[in-house]
C-alpha cells in the first residue's frame, strides 16, 4: 500500500512558448505514472473557441424549442421594409462568395497565398472550409428550422436554416486565415486584420438576412460556430506542424 512518504514526486514543467503548449506532470519512481495536462486551459484562444461552440449549441437547443421565434420575426420586420434593388444586388454578390460551391475554392486560394508568403503553412483555411461544411450538414440532421417565407428553393437538408452555412464558412475561413498569419504582423496590422475579419463576417450575416434566406438566430449561430471552427482549425494545423 502506498503512503505519501513512499511516493517520489517529480514535477516537470515546460515553459510555454505560446498558448496551447503542454505541461507534463510526472509522478514517481514507485508509481511509474505520468500525466500530460493541458497547461493553459484558460488560454484566450481555447476560451474563445469553446465559448463559440457552446453558444452555437445553446442557440441550436433554443431553436429546437422554438424559443427564438419572437426575436426572429421582430428582426425580419425591421429589415425587410427597407429593401431596395441596389442593396439586394450587393447582398447577392456578398453571399455568392461565401456559398458552398464557392468558399472551398476561396479557402484553397487563401491557403496557397499564405503558403507562398510565409514559406509554409496555409492549411488552416481549407481545414476551416471543410469543418464548416461538416458542421453545417451535421447540425441540420438534428435542428429543423424552416427558412423565412421569401427564401429561395432549397432541397434536402438545405431546407433548414440553422446554422447559416454561408456565415459559418465565411467566419471560419476568415478567422482561420487571420489566426495563421497574425503572429507575423505588428500590433497595428493585427488590429486591422481582425477588423477586416469582423467586417467580412458581419457583411455575410447581413446579406443572408437581407435576402430573407435566414433568421437572425441562424446568423448568430453561424458566427459562433465559425469562430470555433476557425480557431480549432488553426490550432490543429499548428499542432501538426
C-alpha atoms as a PDB file:
ATOM      1  CA  UNK A   1       0.000   0.000   0.000  1.00  0.00           C
ATOM      2  CA  UNK A   2       1.376   3.404  -0.937  1.00  0.00           C
ATOM      3  CA  UNK A   3       1.995   6.059   1.646  1.00  0.00           C
ATOM      4  CA  UNK A   4       2.564   9.677   0.863  1.00  0.00           C
ATOM      5  CA  UNK A   5       6.090   9.409   2.216  1.00  0.00           C
ATOM      6  CA  UNK A   6       6.920   6.471  -0.078  1.00  0.00           C
ATOM      7  CA  UNK A   7       5.842   8.236  -3.238  1.00  0.00           C
ATOM      8  CA  UNK A   8       8.625  10.080  -5.044  1.00  0.00           C
ATOM      9  CA  UNK A   9       7.240  13.060  -6.858  1.00  0.00           C
ATOM     10  CA  UNK A  10       8.853  14.895  -9.717  1.00  0.00           C
ATOM     11  CA  UNK A  11       7.324  17.854 -11.426  1.00  0.00           C
ATOM     12  CA  UNK A  12       8.486  18.701 -14.911  1.00  0.00           C
ATOM     13  CA  UNK A  13       7.240  21.975 -16.284  1.00  0.00           C
ATOM     14  CA  UNK A  14       7.944  23.217 -19.761  1.00  0.00           C
ATOM     15  CA  UNK A  15       7.556  26.951 -20.151  1.00  0.00           C
ATOM     16  CA  UNK A  16       5.043  27.912 -22.735  1.00  0.00           C
ATOM     17  CA  UNK A  17       6.213  29.382 -25.988  1.00  0.00           C
ATOM     18  CA  UNK A  18       2.642  30.141 -26.984  1.00  0.00           C
ATOM     19  CA  UNK A  19      -0.886  29.241 -25.797  1.00  0.00           C
ATOM     20  CA  UNK A  20      -1.672  25.606 -26.351  1.00  0.00           C
ATOM     21  CA  UNK A  21       1.669  24.077 -25.242  1.00  0.00           C
ATOM     22  CA  UNK A  22       1.691  21.148 -22.855  1.00  0.00           C
ATOM     23  CA  UNK A  23       2.983  20.804 -19.344  1.00  0.00           C
ATOM     24  CA  UNK A  24       3.836  17.340 -18.120  1.00  0.00           C
ATOM     25  CA  UNK A  25       3.476  16.203 -14.538  1.00  0.00           C
ATOM     26  CA  UNK A  26       5.413  13.059 -13.691  1.00  0.00           C
ATOM     27  CA  UNK A  27       4.539  11.014 -10.624  1.00  0.00           C
ATOM     28  CA  UNK A  28       7.221   8.947  -9.265  1.00  0.00           C
ATOM     29  CA  UNK A  29       9.541   6.030  -9.373  1.00  0.00           C
ATOM     30  CA  UNK A  30       7.154   3.844  -7.432  1.00  0.00           C
ATOM     31  CA  UNK A  31       4.116   4.753  -9.467  1.00  0.00           C
ATOM     32  CA  UNK A  32       5.771   4.815 -12.859  1.00  0.00           C
ATOM     33  CA  UNK A  33       2.961   7.110 -13.947  1.00  0.00           C
ATOM     34  CA  UNK A  34       2.922  10.320 -15.953  1.00  0.00           C
ATOM     35  CA  UNK A  35       0.093  12.704 -16.615  1.00  0.00           C
ATOM     36  CA  UNK A  36       0.000  15.041 -19.604  1.00  0.00           C
ATOM     37  CA  UNK A  37      -2.099  18.073 -18.851  1.00  0.00           C
ATOM     38  CA  UNK A  38      -3.220  20.948 -20.951  1.00  0.00           C
ATOM     39  CA  UNK A  39      -1.452  23.779 -19.208  1.00  0.00           C
ATOM     40  CA  UNK A  40      -3.393  26.815 -20.167  1.00  0.00           C
ATOM     41  CA  UNK A  41      -6.927  25.589 -20.134  1.00  0.00           C
ATOM     42  CA  UNK A  42      -7.771  29.252 -19.783  1.00  0.00           C
ATOM     43  CA  UNK A  43      -5.814  30.427 -22.846  1.00  0.00           C
ATOM     44  CA  UNK A  44      -7.692  33.126 -24.779  1.00  0.00           C
ATOM     45  CA  UNK A  45      -7.886  31.035 -27.938  1.00  0.00           C
ATOM     46  CA  UNK A  46      -9.277  27.991 -26.120  1.00  0.00           C
ATOM     47  CA  UNK A  47     -11.801  30.064 -24.167  1.00  0.00           C
ATOM     48  CA  UNK A  48     -12.994  31.841 -27.310  1.00  0.00           C
ATOM     49  CA  UNK A  49     -13.335  28.636 -29.339  1.00  0.00           C
ATOM     50  CA  UNK A  50     -15.122  26.730 -26.590  1.00  0.00           C
ATOM     51  CA  UNK A  51     -17.397  29.688 -25.863  1.00  0.00           C
ATOM     52  CA  UNK A  52     -18.330  29.953 -29.533  1.00  0.00           C
ATOM     53  CA  UNK A  53     -19.121  26.251 -29.721  1.00  0.00           C
ATOM     54  CA  UNK A  54     -21.157  26.387 -26.513  1.00  0.00           C
ATOM     55  CA  UNK A  55     -23.167  29.418 -27.633  1.00  0.00           C
ATOM     56  CA  UNK A  56     -23.839  27.877 -31.055  1.00  0.00           C
ATOM     57  CA  UNK A  57     -25.011  24.692 -29.350  1.00  0.00           C
ATOM     58  CA  UNK A  58     -27.183  26.638 -26.918  1.00  0.00           C
ATOM     59  CA  UNK A  59     -28.824  28.569 -29.737  1.00  0.00           C
ATOM     60  CA  UNK A  60     -29.451  25.272 -31.535  1.00  0.00           C
ATOM     61  CA  UNK A  61     -31.278  23.958 -28.471  1.00  0.00           C
ATOM     62  CA  UNK A  62     -33.314  27.170 -28.260  1.00  0.00           C
ATOM     63  CA  UNK A  63     -34.216  26.852 -31.956  1.00  0.00           C
ATOM     64  CA  UNK A  64     -35.457  23.287 -31.445  1.00  0.00           C
ATOM     65  CA  UNK A  65     -37.654  24.542 -28.618  1.00  0.00           C
ATOM     66  CA  UNK A  66     -38.984  27.438 -30.739  1.00  0.00           C
ATOM     67  CA  UNK A  67     -37.675  29.880 -28.137  1.00  0.00           C
ATOM     68  CA  UNK A  68     -36.268  32.288 -30.730  1.00  0.00           C
ATOM     69  CA  UNK A  69     -39.361  32.741 -32.907  1.00  0.00           C
ATOM     70  CA  UNK A  70     -40.362  36.130 -31.496  1.00  0.00           C
ATOM     71  CA  UNK A  71     -36.959  37.752 -31.950  1.00  0.00           C
ATOM     72  CA  UNK A  72     -36.596  36.194 -35.412  1.00  0.00           C
ATOM     73  CA  UNK A  73     -39.800  37.811 -36.621  1.00  0.00           C
ATOM     74  CA  UNK A  74     -39.032  41.131 -34.910  1.00  0.00           C
ATOM     75  CA  UNK A  75     -35.654  41.405 -36.675  1.00  0.00           C
ATOM     76  CA  UNK A  76     -37.155  40.384 -40.011  1.00  0.00           C
ATOM     77  CA  UNK A  77     -39.836  43.067 -39.749  1.00  0.00           C
ATOM     78  CA  UNK A  78     -37.170  45.712 -39.205  1.00  0.00           C
ATOM     79  CA  UNK A  79     -35.046  44.662 -42.180  1.00  0.00           C
ATOM     80  CA  UNK A  80     -37.459  43.984 -44.989  1.00  0.00           C
ATOM     81  CA  UNK A  81     -39.425  47.246 -45.267  1.00  0.00           C
ATOM     82  CA  UNK A  82     -36.077  48.828 -46.221  1.00  0.00           C
ATOM     83  CA  UNK A  83     -35.235  46.507 -49.111  1.00  0.00           C
ATOM     84  CA  UNK A  84     -34.001  48.059 -52.346  1.00  0.00           C
ATOM     85  CA  UNK A  85     -32.858  46.678 -55.688  1.00  0.00           C
ATOM     86  CA  UNK A  86     -29.350  48.099 -55.284  1.00  0.00           C
ATOM     87  CA  UNK A  87     -28.812  46.618 -51.828  1.00  0.00           C
ATOM     88  CA  UNK A  88     -30.275  43.313 -52.952  1.00  0.00           C
ATOM     89  CA  UNK A  89     -27.627  43.145 -55.684  1.00  0.00           C
ATOM     90  CA  UNK A  90     -24.882  43.904 -53.146  1.00  0.00           C
ATOM     91  CA  UNK A  91     -26.207  41.267 -50.740  1.00  0.00           C
ATOM     92  CA  UNK A  92     -26.398  38.690 -53.544  1.00  0.00           C
ATOM     93  CA  UNK A  93     -22.780  39.328 -54.537  1.00  0.00           C
ATOM     94  CA  UNK A  94     -21.564  39.035 -50.940  1.00  0.00           C
ATOM     95  CA  UNK A  95     -23.480  35.812 -50.423  1.00  0.00           C
ATOM     96  CA  UNK A  96     -22.125  34.294 -53.629  1.00  0.00           C
ATOM     97  CA  UNK A  97     -18.521  34.330 -52.401  1.00  0.00           C
ATOM     98  CA  UNK A  98     -19.496  32.589 -49.151  1.00  0.00           C
ATOM     99  CA  UNK A  99     -21.640  29.923 -50.813  1.00  0.00           C
ATOM    100  CA  UNK A 100     -20.912  26.177 -50.509  1.00  0.00           C
ATOM    101  CA  UNK A 101     -19.917  25.957 -54.183  1.00  0.00           C
ATOM    102  CA  UNK A 102     -17.505  28.861 -53.827  1.00  0.00           C
ATOM    103  CA  UNK A 103     -15.938  29.005 -50.390  1.00  0.00           C
ATOM    104  CA  UNK A 104     -13.823  25.825 -50.766  1.00  0.00           C
ATOM    105  CA  UNK A 105     -12.037  27.479 -53.702  1.00  0.00           C
ATOM    106  CA  UNK A 106     -11.710  30.740 -51.778  1.00  0.00           C
ATOM    107  CA  UNK A 107     -10.206  28.846 -48.845  1.00  0.00           C
ATOM    108  CA  UNK A 108      -7.788  26.959 -51.106  1.00  0.00           C
ATOM    109  CA  UNK A 109      -6.666  30.229 -52.714  1.00  0.00           C
ATOM    110  CA  UNK A 110      -6.097  31.834 -49.312  1.00  0.00           C
ATOM    111  CA  UNK A 111      -4.142  28.796 -48.163  1.00  0.00           C
ATOM    112  CA  UNK A 112      -1.932  28.926 -51.232  1.00  0.00           C
ATOM    113  CA  UNK A 113      -1.354  32.656 -50.740  1.00  0.00           C
ATOM    114  CA  UNK A 114      -0.379  32.140 -47.085  1.00  0.00           C
ATOM    115  CA  UNK A 115       1.967  29.306 -48.035  1.00  0.00           C
ATOM    116  CA  UNK A 116       3.715  31.431 -50.643  1.00  0.00           C
ATOM    117  CA  UNK A 117       4.014  34.444 -48.376  1.00  0.00           C
ATOM    118  CA  UNK A 118       5.150  32.547 -45.278  1.00  0.00           C
ATOM    119  CA  UNK A 119       7.037  29.725 -46.969  1.00  0.00           C
ATOM    120  CA  UNK A 120       4.955  27.120 -45.118  1.00  0.00           C
ATOM    121  CA  UNK A 121       1.506  26.541 -43.655  1.00  0.00           C
ATOM    122  CA  UNK A 122      -1.679  27.589 -45.388  1.00  0.00           C
ATOM    123  CA  UNK A 123      -3.699  24.533 -44.346  1.00  0.00           C
ATOM    124  CA  UNK A 124      -5.933  26.311 -41.855  1.00  0.00           C
ATOM    125  CA  UNK A 125      -8.333  27.990 -44.358  1.00  0.00           C
ATOM    126  CA  UNK A 126      -9.104  24.759 -46.289  1.00  0.00           C
ATOM    127  CA  UNK A 127      -9.488  22.898 -42.988  1.00  0.00           C
ATOM    128  CA  UNK A 128     -11.930  25.570 -41.794  1.00  0.00           C
ATOM    129  CA  UNK A 129     -13.899  25.310 -45.045  1.00  0.00           C
ATOM    130  CA  UNK A 130     -14.253  21.541 -44.669  1.00  0.00           C
ATOM    131  CA  UNK A 131     -15.116  21.913 -40.992  1.00  0.00           C
ATOM    132  CA  UNK A 132     -17.832  24.439 -41.772  1.00  0.00           C
ATOM    133  CA  UNK A 133     -19.407  22.135 -44.366  1.00  0.00           C
ATOM    134  CA  UNK A 134     -19.332  19.222 -41.915  1.00  0.00           C
ATOM    135  CA  UNK A 135     -20.843  21.179 -39.023  1.00  0.00           C
ATOM    136  CA  UNK A 136     -23.481  22.772 -41.244  1.00  0.00           C
ATOM    137  CA  UNK A 137     -24.709  19.441 -42.595  1.00  0.00           C
ATOM    138  CA  UNK A 138     -24.445  17.580 -39.294  1.00  0.00           C
ATOM    139  CA  UNK A 139     -26.388  20.226 -37.376  1.00  0.00           C
ATOM    140  CA  UNK A 140     -29.274  20.166 -39.831  1.00  0.00           C
ATOM    141  CA  UNK A 141     -29.769  16.477 -39.152  1.00  0.00           C
ATOM    142  CA  UNK A 142     -30.950  17.473 -35.672  1.00  0.00           C
ATOM    143  CA  UNK A 143     -32.192  21.075 -35.956  1.00  0.00           C
ATOM    144  CA  UNK A 144     -35.052  21.519 -38.424  1.00  0.00           C
ATOM    145  CA  UNK A 145     -35.795  25.225 -38.558  1.00  0.00           C
ATOM    146  CA  UNK A 146     -37.531  26.273 -41.739  1.00  0.00           C
ATOM    147  CA  UNK A 147     -36.186  29.259 -43.615  1.00  0.00           C
ATOM    148  CA  UNK A 148     -38.050  32.596 -43.871  1.00  0.00           C
ATOM    149  CA  UNK A 149     -41.038  32.802 -46.244  1.00  0.00           C
ATOM    150  CA  UNK A 150     -39.228  34.506 -49.146  1.00  0.00           C
ATOM    151  CA  UNK A 151     -36.166  32.260 -49.168  1.00  0.00           C
ATOM    152  CA  UNK A 152     -35.231  30.614 -52.442  1.00  0.00           C
ATOM    153  CA  UNK A 153     -35.937  26.981 -53.236  1.00  0.00           C
ATOM    154  CA  UNK A 154     -33.847  24.539 -51.251  1.00  0.00           C
ATOM    155  CA  UNK A 155     -33.840  20.763 -51.196  1.00  0.00           C
ATOM    156  CA  UNK A 156     -32.901  18.082 -48.709  1.00  0.00           C
ATOM    157  CA  UNK A 157     -31.259  19.307 -45.515  1.00  0.00           C
ATOM    158  CA  UNK A 158     -30.782  22.735 -47.112  1.00  0.00           C
ATOM    159  CA  UNK A 159     -34.471  23.357 -46.494  1.00  0.00           C
ATOM    160  CA  UNK A 160     -33.439  24.004 -42.899  1.00  0.00           C
ATOM    161  CA  UNK A 161     -31.716  27.191 -41.880  1.00  0.00           C
ATOM    162  CA  UNK A 162     -29.737  26.572 -38.703  1.00  0.00           C
ATOM    163  CA  UNK A 163     -26.943  27.496 -38.785  1.00  0.00           C
ATOM    164  CA  UNK A 164     -26.337  29.711 -41.791  1.00  0.00           C
ATOM    165  CA  UNK A 165     -23.793  27.800 -43.840  1.00  0.00           C
ATOM    166  CA  UNK A 166     -22.634  30.968 -45.605  1.00  0.00           C
ATOM    167  CA  UNK A 167     -21.974  32.763 -42.317  1.00  0.00           C
ATOM    168  CA  UNK A 168     -20.339  29.732 -40.704  1.00  0.00           C
ATOM    169  CA  UNK A 169     -17.967  29.210 -43.629  1.00  0.00           C
ATOM    170  CA  UNK A 170     -17.070  32.872 -44.125  1.00  0.00           C
ATOM    171  CA  UNK A 171     -16.368  33.360 -40.426  1.00  0.00           C
ATOM    172  CA  UNK A 172     -14.428  30.108 -40.071  1.00  0.00           C
ATOM    173  CA  UNK A 173     -12.216  30.728 -43.110  1.00  0.00           C
ATOM    174  CA  UNK A 174     -11.548  34.361 -42.171  1.00  0.00           C
ATOM    175  CA  UNK A 175     -10.725  33.501 -38.548  1.00  0.00           C
ATOM    176  CA  UNK A 176      -8.505  30.565 -39.532  1.00  0.00           C
ATOM    177  CA  UNK A 177      -6.598  32.656 -42.090  1.00  0.00           C
ATOM    178  CA  UNK A 178      -6.094  35.530 -39.663  1.00  0.00           C
ATOM    179  CA  UNK A 179      -5.002  33.237 -36.835  1.00  0.00           C
ATOM    180  CA  UNK A 180      -2.421  31.577 -39.055  1.00  0.00           C
ATOM    181  CA  UNK A 181      -0.698  34.829 -40.039  1.00  0.00           C
ATOM    182  CA  UNK A 182      -1.354  37.086 -37.039  1.00  0.00           C
ATOM    183  CA  UNK A 183       1.916  36.278 -35.262  1.00  0.00           C
ATOM    184  CA  UNK A 184       3.879  37.616 -38.233  1.00  0.00           C
ATOM    185  CA  UNK A 185       2.258  41.047 -38.032  1.00  0.00           C
ATOM    186  CA  UNK A 186       2.765  44.149 -35.955  1.00  0.00           C
ATOM    187  CA  UNK A 187       0.126  45.048 -33.324  1.00  0.00           C
ATOM    188  CA  UNK A 188      -1.331  47.709 -35.619  1.00  0.00           C
ATOM    189  CA  UNK A 189      -1.516  45.275 -38.539  1.00  0.00           C
ATOM    190  CA  UNK A 190      -3.187  42.686 -36.313  1.00  0.00           C
ATOM    191  CA  UNK A 191      -5.853  45.183 -35.303  1.00  0.00           C
ATOM    192  CA  UNK A 192      -6.537  45.976 -38.946  1.00  0.00           C
ATOM    193  CA  UNK A 193      -6.609  42.264 -39.785  1.00  0.00           C
ATOM    194  CA  UNK A 194      -9.155  41.396 -37.110  1.00  0.00           C
ATOM    195  CA  UNK A 195     -11.254  44.416 -38.045  1.00  0.00           C
ATOM    196  CA  UNK A 196     -11.367  43.060 -41.603  1.00  0.00           C
ATOM    197  CA  UNK A 197     -12.341  39.607 -40.299  1.00  0.00           C
ATOM    198  CA  UNK A 198     -15.217  41.116 -38.312  1.00  0.00           C
ATOM    199  CA  UNK A 199     -16.341  43.179 -41.314  1.00  0.00           C
ATOM    200  CA  UNK A 200     -16.394  40.116 -43.575  1.00  0.00           C
ATOM    201  CA  UNK A 201     -18.341  38.053 -41.070  1.00  0.00           C
ATOM    202  CA  UNK A 202     -20.865  40.782 -40.337  1.00  0.00           C
ATOM    203  CA  UNK A 203     -21.389  41.622 -44.015  1.00  0.00           C
ATOM    204  CA  UNK A 204     -22.127  37.990 -44.897  1.00  0.00           C
ATOM    205  CA  UNK A 205     -24.551  37.753 -41.976  1.00  0.00           C
ATOM    206  CA  UNK A 206     -26.290  40.932 -43.103  1.00  0.00           C
ATOM    207  CA  UNK A 207     -26.556  39.621 -46.672  1.00  0.00           C
ATOM    208  CA  UNK A 208     -28.306  36.428 -45.551  1.00  0.00           C
ATOM    209  CA  UNK A 209     -30.811  38.394 -43.504  1.00  0.00           C
ATOM    210  CA  UNK A 210     -31.392  40.956 -46.233  1.00  0.00           C
ATOM    211  CA  UNK A 211     -32.037  38.266 -48.854  1.00  0.00           C
ATOM    212  CA  UNK A 212     -34.522  36.598 -46.478  1.00  0.00           C
ATOM    213  CA  UNK A 213     -32.547  33.351 -46.565  1.00  0.00           C
ATOM    214  CA  UNK A 214     -32.067  33.105 -42.811  1.00  0.00           C
ATOM    215  CA  UNK A 215     -33.399  34.182 -39.456  1.00  0.00           C
ATOM    216  CA  UNK A 216     -31.258  36.126 -37.005  1.00  0.00           C
ATOM    217  CA  UNK A 217     -30.635  33.037 -34.847  1.00  0.00           C
ATOM    218  CA  UNK A 218     -29.272  31.204 -37.909  1.00  0.00           C
ATOM    219  CA  UNK A 219     -26.813  34.043 -38.452  1.00  0.00           C
ATOM    220  CA  UNK A 220     -25.708  34.388 -34.827  1.00  0.00           C
ATOM    221  CA  UNK A 221     -25.284  30.624 -34.574  1.00  0.00           C
ATOM    222  CA  UNK A 222     -23.192  30.723 -37.747  1.00  0.00           C
ATOM    223  CA  UNK A 223     -20.954  33.436 -36.302  1.00  0.00           C
ATOM    224  CA  UNK A 224     -20.360  31.448 -33.124  1.00  0.00           C
ATOM    225  CA  UNK A 225     -19.793  28.137 -34.907  1.00  0.00           C
ATOM    226  CA  UNK A 226     -17.485  29.838 -37.401  1.00  0.00           C
ATOM    227  CA  UNK A 227     -15.300  31.300 -34.653  1.00  0.00           C
ATOM    228  CA  UNK A 228     -14.992  27.880 -33.005  1.00  0.00           C
ATOM    229  CA  UNK A 229     -14.208  26.114 -36.287  1.00  0.00           C
ATOM    230  CA  UNK A 230     -11.718  28.760 -37.420  1.00  0.00           C
ATOM    231  CA  UNK A 231      -9.748  28.773 -34.177  1.00  0.00           C
ATOM    232  CA  UNK A 232      -9.915  24.999 -33.914  1.00  0.00           C
ATOM    233  CA  UNK A 233      -8.657  24.524 -37.472  1.00  0.00           C
ATOM    234  CA  UNK A 234      -5.736  26.892 -36.968  1.00  0.00           C
ATOM    235  CA  UNK A 235      -4.805  25.212 -33.681  1.00  0.00           C
ATOM    236  CA  UNK A 236      -4.902  21.724 -35.167  1.00  0.00           C
ATOM    237  CA  UNK A 237      -2.704  22.803 -38.062  1.00  0.00           C
ATOM    238  CA  UNK A 238      -0.198  24.396 -35.673  1.00  0.00           C
ATOM    239  CA  UNK A 239      -0.089  21.234 -33.532  1.00  0.00           C
ATOM    240  CA  UNK A 240       0.558  19.203 -36.686  1.00  0.00           C
ATOM    241  CA  UNK A 241       3.471  21.471 -37.590  1.00  0.00           C
END
